[in-house]
Amino acid sequence: MRAFLCLLLYGASVQVGAVDVAGTASGAPALPRVAGIEFAGNHLTRAGVLQRELTLAVGDAAAPEQIEASRQAIQNLGLFREVDAGTVATADGVIVIFEVEEKIYLLPLPRLDAKDSGEYAYGMQMRWANLDGRNHDLRAFWEYRDRKEPGVGGETAYAIDYGAPQIFDSRYSLGLGAAYSMRPVERDGDQVGDYRETFRSARAQLQRSLSEGSANQGWSVGGGLAWLEQSTAGADAEPAYGTATSVLLSAGHRKLAFRRYSLSGHRFGASASIATQGWNSDYDQLTYRLDFRRFMPVGERSHQNLNFGAEAGLRHGGPPDNDRFELGGTANLRGFEDDFLEGDAYYRVSAEFLRPLGWNPLRGLVIVEAGNAFARPRDLSLDRVYTSLGVGVRLRVDWFVDVELDLGYAIPIGGGEGGRVFVGSS
């Protein structure tokens, strides 16, 4: 659908300058030659980041569909509010000019949360997109959270993630991350005392684009390593689970078109994490994940979408309580309380309808979700499905990179108690 829209609308977004050319043998006018390519408005973004997304080069015919495809490819980076394309006639052909309107790339955010159960959290998060104009991404956060769990104190957590697409202008992308958290625990019963439980983790992944054209579209595969350590300290400490070093494998396909306030297209991802006891690991653990998203413009109203999602995961082995899948809360199955369902297997499907409410950045939201989680992978079934129905609004803050805010109310269907307000952000 997007391809047809681009062909129908390219005349409104690409202006090809008038050039006197001789007719071809068939009588159709010959296209002018691309004599040069220029960029404007990229005050921070390096020209090379834009150049590598183009589908045309100097010397090519200035075909309007190729100019539009290049304009859309730059827009798909998600770094710009608007991308326009035009041409200027010269004696040698035309100069194609891509003009971008950059977003604000540094965004500090407070992290605040409070629930009826008494659980609360506060902290800070920083997002730094397009670092040094290279389309690199840095995210860091600090948080203190008191879950009001019996025998468990407030948890302090830190995390940092760094993403570097197309390193050295290659088709390889690098992802790095590290995290730390600590919480005090009190043992009851015969032994009473306090001890600390600490988690440390790190990961490094390399991804390779396999498809022609833009490296952020099409098929990709990846691999890497992840390290996790759980330790305890104190006179009455429970035995620690120890350390796991996992091999990471991933594959995916992405065909997304960014419009200013919405998306069209799809993305798919599959991943596996494998830890083997004795290979720098104190236990075996195998985890699989699948995720699919489809974004469909519907009707004649701009930025009106019908979106679908499906995801699933399985975990075999590992510590009994760590890295379990969870459903419920503001991120999924919104009509249910946080962590309403958890286990070593899960699935979730969703459908959402979005329509602008007189102003394109603000869209009404109707979302239906269904899923379940299971204690063991062999328990996975469709015998019991939990469903949530929610209505609300979604605000796209296009001054910043990838910032959306959701506010609404969701009710559980066929289980759970009452309804609840959900607030979320991307």
Protein backbone atom coordinates (compact mmCIF):
# COMPACT_ATOMS: atom_id res chain seq x y z
CA MET A 1 0.00 0.00 0.00
CA ARG A 2 2.79 2.39 0.90
CA ALA A 3 4.48 1.83 -2.46
CA PHE A 4 1.30 2.79 -4.32
CA LEU A 5 0.85 5.89 -2.12
CA CYS A 6 4.40 6.97 -2.82
CA LEU A 7 3.87 6.61 -6.58
CA LEU A 8 0.62 8.57 -6.43
CA LEU A 9 1.98 11.34 -4.21
CA TYR A 10 5.56 11.75 -5.34
CA GLY A 11 4.62 14.77 -7.39
CA ALA A 12 3.66 16.63 -4.20
CA SER A 13 6.96 15.91 -2.45
CA VAL A 14 9.48 15.92 -5.32
CA GLN A 15 9.81 18.86 -7.68
CA VAL A 16 11.94 18.09 -10.74
CA GLY A 17 13.29 21.24 -12.35
CA ALA A 18 12.48 21.89 -15.99
CA VAL A 19 15.26 20.74 -18.31
CA ASP A 20 15.15 20.79 -22.11
CA VAL A 21 15.90 17.27 -23.27
CA ALA A 22 15.57 15.51 -26.59
CA GLY A 23 12.85 12.96 -27.02
CA THR A 24 13.69 9.28 -27.04
CA ALA A 25 13.08 7.01 -30.01
CA SER A 26 9.69 6.12 -28.53
CA GLY A 27 8.71 9.77 -28.21
CA ALA A 28 8.85 9.84 -24.36
CA PRO A 29 11.04 12.59 -22.88
CA ALA A 30 14.40 11.47 -21.52
CA LEU A 31 14.99 11.94 -17.81
CA PRO A 32 17.69 14.41 -16.80
CA ARG A 33 20.90 13.10 -15.28
CA VAL A 34 21.70 13.50 -11.57
CA ALA A 35 24.60 15.94 -11.69
CA GLY A 36 24.95 16.22 -7.90
CA ILE A 37 23.34 15.40 -4.55
CA GLU A 38 23.22 17.89 -1.68
CA PHE A 39 21.80 17.95 1.86
CA ALA A 40 20.39 20.88 3.80
CA GLY A 41 19.24 21.31 7.38
CA ASN A 42 21.48 18.57 8.80
CA HIS A 43 23.24 20.82 11.33
CA LEU A 44 24.33 17.84 13.47
CA THR A 45 23.74 14.75 11.35
CA ARG A 46 26.73 13.80 9.22
CA ALA A 47 26.17 13.77 5.47
CA GLY A 48 27.47 10.21 5.29
CA VAL A 49 24.57 9.00 7.44
CA LEU A 50 22.15 10.39 4.85
CA GLN A 51 24.22 9.39 1.84
CA ARG A 52 24.25 5.69 2.68
CA GLU A 53 20.43 5.58 2.69
CA LEU A 54 20.04 6.84 -0.89
CA THR A 55 18.78 4.63 -3.70
CA LEU A 56 20.23 6.84 -6.43
CA ALA A 57 23.71 8.22 -7.17
CA VAL A 58 25.37 10.87 -9.29
CA GLY A 59 25.13 9.84 -12.92
CA ASP A 60 21.77 8.06 -12.55
CA ALA A 61 18.63 9.21 -14.30
CA ALA A 62 16.66 11.57 -12.04
CA ALA A 63 13.62 9.30 -11.89
CA PRO A 64 10.96 10.80 -9.59
CA GLU A 65 10.23 7.40 -8.03
CA GLN A 66 13.92 6.95 -7.10
CA ILE A 67 14.09 10.45 -5.61
CA GLU A 68 10.98 9.69 -3.55
CA ALA A 69 12.40 6.32 -2.47
CA SER A 70 15.57 8.06 -1.27
CA ARG A 71 13.57 10.72 0.55
CA GLN A 72 11.52 8.05 2.32
CA ALA A 73 14.67 6.08 3.19
CA ILE A 74 16.09 9.14 4.98
CA GLN A 75 12.75 9.66 6.72
CA ASN A 76 12.86 6.03 7.86
CA LEU A 77 15.90 6.78 10.01
CA GLY A 78 13.50 8.38 12.49
CA LEU A 79 15.90 11.27 13.12
CA PHE A 80 13.95 14.03 11.35
CA ARG A 81 10.56 15.68 11.71
CA GLU A 82 10.33 16.24 7.97
CA VAL A 83 12.36 15.29 4.89
CA ASP A 84 11.73 17.11 1.60
CA ALA A 85 13.30 16.54 -1.79
CA GLY A 86 13.67 18.86 -4.76
CA THR A 87 15.83 19.45 -7.83
CA VAL A 88 17.66 22.39 -9.34
CA ALA A 89 18.41 22.41 -13.06
CA THR A 90 22.02 22.83 -14.25
CA ALA A 91 23.78 22.59 -17.58
CA ASP A 92 24.79 19.00 -16.73
CA GLY A 93 21.42 17.80 -15.50
CA VAL A 94 19.85 18.37 -12.09
CA ILE A 95 21.13 18.67 -8.55
CA VAL A 96 18.94 16.72 -6.13
CA ILE A 97 18.58 18.43 -2.75
CA PHE A 98 17.31 16.65 0.36
CA GLU A 99 16.30 19.06 3.11
CA VAL A 100 15.78 17.70 6.63
CA GLU A 101 14.32 19.16 9.81
CA GLU A 102 16.26 17.69 12.71
CA LYS A 103 14.67 16.60 15.97
CA ILE A 104 15.98 17.29 19.48
CA TYR A 105 18.33 14.41 20.23
CA LEU A 106 19.05 14.71 23.97
CA LEU A 107 16.12 13.94 26.27
CA PRO A 108 16.42 13.61 30.08
CA LEU A 109 13.28 12.14 31.66
CA PRO A 110 12.16 11.57 35.24
CA ARG A 111 11.00 8.05 36.14
CA LEU A 112 8.03 8.15 38.50
CA ASP A 113 5.57 5.40 39.37
CA ALA A 114 3.02 4.77 42.13
CA LYS A 115 0.38 2.05 42.51
CA ASP A 116 -2.62 1.36 44.71
CA SER A 117 -0.68 -1.47 46.37
CA GLY A 118 1.77 1.07 47.81
CA GLU A 119 4.54 0.19 45.37
CA TYR A 120 6.44 3.24 44.16
CA ALA A 121 9.53 4.12 42.14
CA TYR A 122 11.52 7.18 41.18
CA GLY A 123 14.63 7.86 39.16
CA MET A 124 16.02 9.43 36.01
CA GLN A 125 16.50 8.31 32.43
CA MET A 126 18.55 9.86 29.63
CA ARG A 127 18.09 9.22 25.92
CA TRP A 128 20.74 10.54 23.56
CA ALA A 129 19.88 9.77 19.95
CA ASN A 130 22.07 10.52 16.93
CA LEU A 131 25.16 10.75 19.11
CA ASP A 132 27.87 12.85 17.42
CA GLY A 133 25.64 12.99 14.33
CA ARG A 134 26.38 9.31 13.54
CA ASN A 135 22.90 7.87 14.27
CA HIS A 136 24.31 6.14 17.37
CA ASP A 137 22.02 5.80 20.38
CA LEU A 138 22.85 5.98 24.10
CA ARG A 139 20.34 5.26 26.87
CA ALA A 140 21.00 5.24 30.61
CA PHE A 141 18.82 5.14 33.70
CA TRP A 142 18.88 5.05 37.48
CA GLU A 143 15.90 3.95 39.53
CA TYR A 144 14.88 3.18 43.10
CA ARG A 145 11.83 0.88 43.40
CA ASP A 146 10.03 -0.45 46.46
CA ARG A 147 7.76 -3.31 45.36
CA LYS A 148 6.30 -3.78 48.86
CA GLU A 149 7.13 -7.49 48.74
CA PRO A 150 7.29 -9.20 52.15
CA GLY A 151 10.91 -9.56 53.24
CA VAL A 152 12.30 -7.56 50.29
CA GLY A 153 13.51 -3.97 50.58
CA GLY A 154 13.80 -1.22 48.03
CA GLU A 155 15.83 -2.04 44.91
CA THR A 156 18.39 0.30 43.35
CA ALA A 157 19.10 -0.28 39.67
CA TYR A 158 21.34 1.21 36.96
CA ALA A 159 21.53 0.37 33.27
CA ILE A 160 23.20 1.67 30.12
CA ASP A 161 22.76 0.66 26.47
CA TYR A 162 24.62 1.79 23.37
CA GLY A 163 23.68 1.10 19.76
CA ALA A 164 25.87 1.83 16.74
CA PRO A 165 24.24 1.02 13.37
CA GLN A 166 26.38 0.54 10.26
CA ILE A 167 29.72 0.91 12.05
CA PHE A 168 32.44 2.31 9.77
CA ASP A 169 29.78 2.62 7.03
CA SER A 170 29.54 -1.17 6.83
CA ARG A 171 26.45 -3.37 6.97
CA TYR A 172 27.29 -4.36 10.55
CA SER A 173 25.62 -2.88 13.64
CA LEU A 174 26.92 -3.09 17.20
CA GLY A 175 24.93 -3.24 20.43
CA LEU A 176 26.42 -3.02 23.95
CA GLY A 177 24.74 -2.98 27.35
CA ALA A 178 25.35 -3.33 31.08
CA ALA A 179 23.11 -3.33 34.16
CA TYR A 180 23.38 -3.52 37.95
CA SER A 181 20.77 -3.86 40.69
CA MET A 182 20.86 -4.50 44.45
CA ARG A 183 18.16 -5.10 47.04
CA PRO A 184 18.15 -6.06 50.75
CA VAL A 185 16.36 -9.28 51.72
CA GLU A 186 15.20 -10.50 55.13
CA ARG A 187 14.87 -14.19 55.93
CA ASP A 188 12.04 -15.33 58.18
CA GLY A 189 11.53 -18.57 60.11
CA ASP A 190 14.28 -20.27 62.03
CA GLN A 191 16.93 -17.95 60.63
CA VAL A 192 16.31 -14.23 60.82
CA GLY A 193 18.73 -11.70 59.38
CA ASP A 194 19.42 -9.34 56.53
CA TYR A 195 21.46 -9.96 53.42
CA ARG A 196 21.95 -8.32 50.03
CA GLU A 197 21.07 -9.75 46.64
CA THR A 198 22.93 -8.29 43.67
CA PHE A 199 22.53 -8.74 39.91
CA ARG A 200 25.14 -7.75 37.35
CA SER A 201 24.86 -8.22 33.59
CA ALA A 202 26.55 -7.26 30.33
CA ARG A 203 26.04 -8.02 26.65
CA ALA A 204 27.68 -7.45 23.28
CA GLN A 205 25.97 -8.17 19.96
CA LEU A 206 26.87 -7.78 16.30
CA GLN A 207 24.20 -7.71 13.59
CA ARG A 208 24.64 -8.06 9.82
CA SER A 209 22.21 -6.72 7.23
CA LEU A 210 21.63 -9.22 4.41
CA SER A 211 19.32 -7.29 2.07
CA GLU A 212 20.19 -4.85 -0.68
CA GLY A 213 19.54 -1.15 -0.18
CA SER A 214 19.19 0.52 3.20
CA ALA A 215 20.84 -1.47 5.98
CA ASN A 216 17.96 -0.72 8.39
CA GLN A 217 15.47 -2.51 6.13
CA GLY A 218 15.19 -6.12 5.00
CA TRP A 219 16.70 -9.26 6.51
CA SER A 220 19.38 -9.30 9.18
CA VAL A 221 21.12 -11.88 11.38
CA GLY A 222 23.14 -11.40 14.53
CA GLY A 223 25.07 -13.01 17.33
CA GLY A 224 26.84 -12.15 20.54
CA LEU A 225 27.44 -12.95 24.20
CA ALA A 226 25.56 -12.09 27.39
CA TRP A 227 26.78 -12.46 30.98
CA LEU A 228 24.63 -12.53 34.12
CA GLU A 229 25.72 -12.90 37.74
CA GLN A 230 23.48 -13.20 40.79
CA SER A 231 25.26 -13.01 44.13
CA THR A 232 24.27 -12.77 47.79
CA ALA A 233 26.17 -11.37 50.79
CA GLY A 234 25.40 -11.52 54.50
CA ALA A 235 25.45 -13.88 57.48
CA ASP A 236 22.09 -15.47 56.64
CA ALA A 237 22.32 -15.20 52.85
CA GLU A 238 20.59 -17.69 50.62
CA PRO A 239 22.94 -19.58 48.26
CA ALA A 240 23.50 -17.61 45.05
CA TYR A 241 22.47 -18.93 41.66
CA GLY A 242 25.88 -17.96 40.29
CA THR A 243 26.89 -16.97 36.79
CA ALA A 244 25.61 -17.67 33.28
CA THR A 245 27.37 -16.81 30.03
CA SER A 246 24.98 -17.11 27.09
CA VAL A 247 25.43 -17.24 23.34
CA LEU A 248 22.96 -14.89 21.65
CA LEU A 249 21.49 -15.59 18.21
CA SER A 250 18.97 -13.47 16.32
CA ALA A 251 17.31 -13.04 12.94
CA GLY A 252 14.71 -10.62 11.70
CA HIS A 253 13.05 -8.80 8.86
CA ARG A 254 12.06 -5.15 8.80
CA LYS A 255 10.09 -3.20 6.22
CA LEU A 256 8.90 -0.01 7.89
CA ALA A 257 7.98 3.37 6.45
CA PHE A 258 8.08 6.26 8.94
CA ARG A 259 5.45 8.91 8.53
CA ARG A 260 5.52 11.88 10.81
CA TYR A 261 2.98 10.57 13.31
CA SER A 262 2.52 6.93 12.32
CA LEU A 263 4.13 3.86 10.77
CA SER A 264 3.31 1.49 7.96
CA GLY A 265 4.83 -1.88 7.20
CA HIS A 266 6.03 -4.68 9.46
CA ARG A 267 8.88 -6.01 11.55
CA PHE A 268 9.68 -9.52 12.73
CA GLY A 269 12.29 -10.80 15.14
CA ALA A 270 13.39 -14.20 16.48
CA SER A 271 16.08 -14.71 19.11
CA ALA A 272 17.67 -17.44 21.22
CA SER A 273 19.88 -17.31 24.30
CA ILE A 274 21.88 -20.44 25.20
CA ALA A 275 23.86 -21.02 28.41
CA THR A 276 25.55 -24.38 29.12
CA GLN A 277 26.70 -25.50 32.55
CA GLY A 278 30.47 -25.82 32.67
CA TRP A 279 31.02 -23.31 29.85
CA ASN A 280 31.58 -20.36 32.16
CA SER A 281 28.04 -21.00 33.48
CA ASP A 282 26.78 -22.51 36.73
CA TYR A 283 23.55 -23.79 35.15
CA ASP A 284 21.87 -24.58 31.83
CA GLN A 285 19.39 -22.16 30.35
CA LEU A 286 17.75 -21.91 26.94
CA THR A 287 15.41 -19.05 26.01
CA TYR A 288 13.50 -18.42 22.77
CA ARG A 289 11.55 -15.32 21.79
CA LEU A 290 9.40 -14.41 18.77
CA ASP A 291 7.91 -10.98 18.01
CA PHE A 292 5.87 -9.70 15.05
CA ARG A 293 4.31 -6.26 14.46
CA ARG A 294 2.17 -5.08 11.53
CA PHE A 295 1.27 -1.40 10.99
CA MET A 296 -1.56 -0.76 8.50
CA PRO A 297 -2.88 2.63 7.40
CA VAL A 298 -6.65 2.34 6.92
CA GLY A 299 -9.19 4.63 5.35
CA GLU A 300 -8.51 8.01 3.78
CA ARG A 301 -7.65 9.79 7.02
CA SER A 302 -3.90 10.39 7.39
CA HIS A 303 -2.27 8.61 10.33
CA GLN A 304 -5.31 6.42 10.92
CA ASN A 305 -3.94 2.94 11.65
CA LEU A 306 -4.96 -0.61 12.44
CA ASN A 307 -1.97 -2.34 14.05
CA PHE A 308 -1.46 -5.98 15.01
CA GLY A 309 1.08 -7.70 17.24
CA ALA A 310 2.00 -11.22 18.30
CA GLU A 311 4.77 -12.43 20.60
CA ALA A 312 5.77 -15.58 22.46
CA GLY A 313 8.60 -16.90 24.57
CA LEU A 314 9.90 -20.13 26.14
CA ARG A 315 12.55 -20.72 28.78
CA HIS A 316 14.08 -24.08 29.74
CA GLY A 317 16.27 -24.46 32.80
CA GLY A 318 17.91 -21.62 34.69
CA PRO A 319 17.19 -20.25 38.18
CA PRO A 320 13.61 -20.78 39.37
CA ASP A 321 12.67 -17.10 39.67
CA ASN A 322 14.98 -15.12 37.38
CA ASP A 323 14.19 -13.95 33.84
CA ARG A 324 10.65 -15.28 33.97
CA PHE A 325 8.13 -13.83 31.50
CA GLU A 326 5.52 -11.47 32.92
CA LEU A 327 2.16 -10.19 31.68
CA GLY A 328 0.03 -7.43 33.17
CA GLY A 329 0.53 -3.72 33.78
CA THR A 330 1.05 -0.73 31.54
CA ALA A 331 3.12 -2.53 28.89
CA ASN A 332 0.84 -5.51 28.14
CA LEU A 333 -2.55 -6.88 29.21
CA ARG A 334 -3.26 -3.40 30.57
CA GLY A 335 -6.51 -4.40 32.27
CA PHE A 336 -4.61 -6.57 34.75
CA GLU A 337 -2.31 -5.59 37.60
CA ASP A 338 1.48 -5.73 37.24
CA ASP A 339 2.90 -9.25 36.92
CA PHE A 340 -0.60 -10.75 37.10
CA LEU A 341 0.74 -13.68 35.08
CA GLU A 342 4.30 -15.02 35.04
CA GLY A 343 6.12 -18.18 34.11
CA ASP A 344 8.61 -19.85 31.80
CA ALA A 345 6.32 -19.68 28.76
CA TYR A 346 3.92 -17.06 27.45
CA TYR A 347 2.10 -15.68 24.44
CA ARG A 348 0.35 -12.41 23.73
CA VAL A 349 -1.58 -11.02 20.74
CA SER A 350 -2.92 -7.51 20.30
CA ALA A 351 -4.86 -5.28 17.94
CA GLU A 352 -5.12 -1.50 18.17
CA PHE A 353 -7.01 1.14 16.24
CA LEU A 354 -5.68 4.71 16.16
CA ARG A 355 -7.40 7.80 14.73
CA PRO A 356 -6.30 11.46 14.96
CA LEU A 357 -8.52 13.55 17.22
CA GLY A 358 -8.53 16.69 15.09
CA TRP A 359 -4.76 17.07 15.56
CA ASN A 360 -2.40 14.54 13.99
CA PRO A 361 -0.02 14.15 16.98
CA LEU A 362 -2.93 13.15 19.25
CA ARG A 363 -4.76 9.97 18.31
CA GLY A 364 -7.58 8.10 19.96
CA LEU A 365 -6.64 4.54 20.92
CA VAL A 366 -8.70 1.36 21.19
CA ILE A 367 -6.67 -1.74 22.09
CA VAL A 368 -7.60 -5.40 22.58
CA GLU A 369 -5.02 -7.78 24.05
CA ALA A 370 -5.08 -11.48 24.87
CA GLY A 371 -2.53 -13.88 26.32
CA ASN A 372 -1.41 -16.14 29.11
CA ALA A 373 1.74 -17.27 30.93
CA PHE A 374 2.62 -20.75 32.18
CA ALA A 375 4.87 -22.11 34.90
CA ARG A 376 6.52 -24.59 32.50
CA PRO A 377 6.83 -24.65 28.68
CA ARG A 378 5.02 -27.99 28.51
CA ASP A 379 1.97 -26.35 30.10
CA LEU A 380 1.56 -23.99 27.12
CA SER A 381 -2.01 -24.19 25.79
CA LEU A 382 -5.02 -22.16 24.66
CA ASP A 383 -7.35 -23.63 27.28
CA ARG A 384 -7.37 -20.35 29.23
CA VAL A 385 -6.97 -16.96 27.56
CA TYR A 386 -6.91 -13.66 29.48
CA THR A 387 -8.27 -10.68 27.55
CA SER A 388 -8.01 -6.92 28.14
CA LEU A 389 -9.92 -4.07 26.46
CA GLY A 390 -8.64 -0.51 26.70
CA VAL A 391 -9.45 2.96 25.38
CA GLY A 392 -7.34 6.09 25.60
CA VAL A 393 -5.14 8.48 23.68
CA ARG A 394 -1.62 8.32 22.22
CA LEU A 395 0.49 11.44 21.84
CA ARG A 396 3.39 11.42 19.37
CA VAL A 397 5.98 14.02 20.48
CA ASP A 398 7.76 14.42 17.16
CA TRP A 399 10.23 17.02 18.45
CA PHE A 400 12.12 14.07 19.93
CA VAL A 401 13.25 10.71 18.54
CA ASP A 402 10.78 7.88 19.10
CA VAL A 403 8.71 9.37 21.94
CA GLU A 404 5.06 8.35 22.33
CA LEU A 405 2.89 8.68 25.42
CA ASP A 406 -0.20 6.56 26.17
CA LEU A 407 -2.96 7.40 28.65
CA GLY A 408 -6.13 5.40 29.03
CA TYR A 409 -8.33 3.00 30.95
CA ALA A 410 -8.45 -0.78 30.49
CA ILE A 411 -10.71 -3.50 31.88
CA PRO A 412 -10.07 -7.25 32.17
CA ILE A 413 -12.45 -9.58 30.37
CA GLY A 414 -13.07 -13.02 31.85
CA GLY A 415 -10.78 -12.58 34.85
CA GLY A 416 -9.05 -10.05 37.08
CA GLU A 417 -10.70 -7.40 39.17
CA GLY A 418 -12.18 -4.08 38.00
CA GLY A 419 -10.31 -1.83 35.62
CA ARG A 420 -7.23 0.33 35.86
CA VAL A 421 -5.68 3.45 34.40
CA PHE A 422 -2.63 2.84 32.23
CA VAL A 423 0.15 5.29 31.48
CA GLY A 424 3.03 4.32 29.24
CA SER A 425 5.76 5.69 27.02
CA SER A 426 8.14 4.43 24.37
